[in-house]
Amino acid sequence: MIRGIRGATTVKENNTEEIVEKTEELVRTMIAENKIDPSDVSSVIISVTEDITATFPAKALRLVDGWTYVPVMCMREIPVPDSLPKCIRIMMHVNTIASQKEISHVYLEDAINLRPDLISEKNQ
């Protein structure tokens, strides 16, 4: 079964170092919490809000051992008024035996406000 694993984080500044650093932190957390092997990943889609332009956050995946050949694509989120600024979102498509409910979606920094329902489920 291919499952989608979501993650999101935010940056304070639109600069290369912070974008790559926060994206790498998010990816590594998603990998750890879901025990993801790169050979089980079909693809990764990364979206950013329109205020993130300094670099491609996909560069962060190349810093993780074994992720060289995982297909990654970056794109821009639609600019919804009053949406969370400086946000990086990730959707991993992973082959797994885990059920939907067993998947751990990861929200860091200000992105925890995107899915408080999932955060509260984790804490139960």
Protein backbone atom coordinates (compact mmCIF):
# COMPACT_ATOMS: atom_id res chain seq x y z
CA MET A 1 0.00 0.00 0.00
CA ILE A 2 1.25 3.48 -0.78
CA ARG A 3 0.43 5.96 1.99
CA GLY A 4 0.90 9.70 2.14
CA ILE A 5 2.90 10.99 5.07
CA ARG A 6 2.49 14.70 5.75
CA GLY A 7 4.82 17.11 7.41
CA ALA A 8 5.14 20.87 7.77
CA THR A 9 7.38 23.42 9.38
CA THR A 10 8.01 27.14 9.25
CA VAL A 11 11.04 29.38 8.96
CA LYS A 12 11.56 32.80 10.49
CA GLU A 13 13.64 34.16 7.60
CA ASN A 14 13.68 33.58 3.85
CA ASN A 15 17.30 32.48 3.62
CA THR A 16 18.98 29.38 2.21
CA GLU A 17 20.53 28.16 5.45
CA GLU A 18 17.36 28.25 7.51
CA ILE A 19 15.17 26.78 4.74
CA VAL A 20 17.51 23.82 4.27
CA GLU A 21 18.06 23.38 8.04
CA LYS A 22 14.34 23.37 8.93
CA THR A 23 13.46 21.12 5.99
CA GLU A 24 16.19 18.65 6.94
CA GLU A 25 14.93 18.62 10.55
CA LEU A 26 11.39 17.93 9.31
CA VAL A 27 12.46 15.17 6.91
CA ARG A 28 14.63 13.44 9.50
CA THR A 29 11.77 13.57 12.03
CA MET A 30 9.31 12.13 9.50
CA ILE A 31 11.79 9.34 8.69
CA ALA A 32 12.41 8.51 12.35
CA GLU A 33 8.77 8.58 13.46
CA ASN A 34 7.61 6.44 10.54
CA LYS A 35 10.70 4.21 10.19
CA ILE A 36 11.00 5.13 6.50
CA ASP A 37 13.56 3.42 4.29
CA PRO A 38 14.36 5.50 1.18
CA SER A 39 13.86 2.46 -1.07
CA ASP A 40 10.19 2.45 0.03
CA VAL A 41 9.60 6.07 -1.04
CA SER A 42 7.87 6.57 -4.40
CA SER A 43 8.20 10.35 -4.42
CA VAL A 44 8.24 13.47 -2.30
CA ILE A 45 6.40 16.71 -3.02
CA ILE A 46 7.48 19.83 -1.18
CA SER A 47 5.44 23.01 -1.30
CA VAL A 48 6.30 26.43 0.04
CA THR A 49 4.33 29.58 0.65
CA GLU A 50 5.02 32.42 -1.76
CA ASP A 51 7.29 34.19 0.75
CA ILE A 52 9.91 31.42 0.52
CA THR A 53 12.10 32.03 -2.52
CA ALA A 54 15.74 31.84 -1.39
CA THR A 55 16.31 28.17 -2.32
CA PHE A 56 14.70 24.84 -3.08
CA PRO A 57 13.95 23.02 0.19
CA ALA A 58 14.47 19.73 -1.68
CA LYS A 59 18.21 20.29 -1.21
CA ALA A 60 17.71 19.07 2.36
CA LEU A 61 16.80 15.55 1.22
CA ARG A 62 20.19 15.20 -0.45
CA LEU A 63 21.79 15.63 2.99
CA VAL A 64 20.14 12.42 4.23
CA ASP A 65 22.06 9.20 3.54
CA GLY A 66 20.39 6.97 0.97
CA TRP A 67 18.01 9.60 -0.40
CA THR A 68 20.02 10.45 -3.53
CA TYR A 69 17.64 8.72 -5.95
CA VAL A 70 14.30 9.57 -4.34
CA PRO A 71 12.32 11.77 -6.77
CA VAL A 72 11.54 15.15 -5.24
CA MET A 73 9.61 18.10 -6.61
CA CYS A 74 9.12 21.59 -5.18
CA MET A 75 6.16 23.83 -5.88
CA ARG A 76 4.39 26.90 -4.54
CA GLU A 77 1.27 26.76 -2.38
CA ILE A 78 -1.77 28.74 -3.46
CA PRO A 79 -1.69 32.17 -1.77
CA VAL A 80 -4.74 31.87 0.49
CA PRO A 81 -5.38 35.08 2.46
CA ASP A 82 -4.39 34.84 6.14
CA SER A 83 -2.71 31.46 5.69
CA LEU A 84 0.35 30.46 7.69
CA PRO A 85 3.37 32.42 6.37
CA LYS A 86 6.85 31.05 5.64
CA CYS A 87 5.59 27.48 5.64
CA ILE A 88 7.21 24.41 4.08
CA ARG A 89 4.94 21.39 3.57
CA ILE A 90 6.00 17.88 2.62
CA MET A 91 4.01 14.97 1.23
CA MET A 92 5.91 11.66 1.07
CA HIS A 93 4.42 8.78 -0.86
CA VAL A 94 5.68 5.67 0.92
CA ASN A 95 5.15 1.95 0.46
CA THR A 96 4.18 0.68 3.91
CA ILE A 97 2.14 -1.90 5.76
CA ALA A 98 1.12 0.73 8.32
CA SER A 99 -2.55 1.68 8.48
CA GLN A 100 -3.70 5.28 7.99
CA LYS A 101 -4.07 5.69 11.73
CA GLU A 102 -0.55 4.35 12.39
CA ILE A 103 1.07 6.98 10.17
CA SER A 104 2.76 9.76 12.13
CA HIS A 105 2.29 13.12 10.43
CA VAL A 106 4.82 15.67 11.67
CA TYR A 107 4.21 19.36 12.33
CA LEU A 108 7.03 21.51 13.70
CA GLU A 109 7.48 25.16 14.65
CA ASP A 110 4.37 27.30 13.88
CA ALA A 111 3.04 24.55 11.60
CA ILE A 112 1.67 22.71 14.65
CA ASN A 113 -1.31 25.05 14.26
CA LEU A 114 -2.21 23.47 10.91
CA ARG A 115 -3.43 20.17 12.36
CA PRO A 116 -4.03 20.49 16.11
CA ASP A 117 -6.27 17.43 15.89
CA LEU A 118 -3.29 15.25 14.96
CA ILE A 119 -1.11 16.77 17.66
CA SER A 120 -3.72 16.06 20.34
CA GLU A 121 -4.11 12.46 19.10
CA LYS A 122 -0.37 11.92 19.55
CA ASN A 123 -0.56 13.11 23.14
CA GLN A 124 -3.36 10.72 24.10
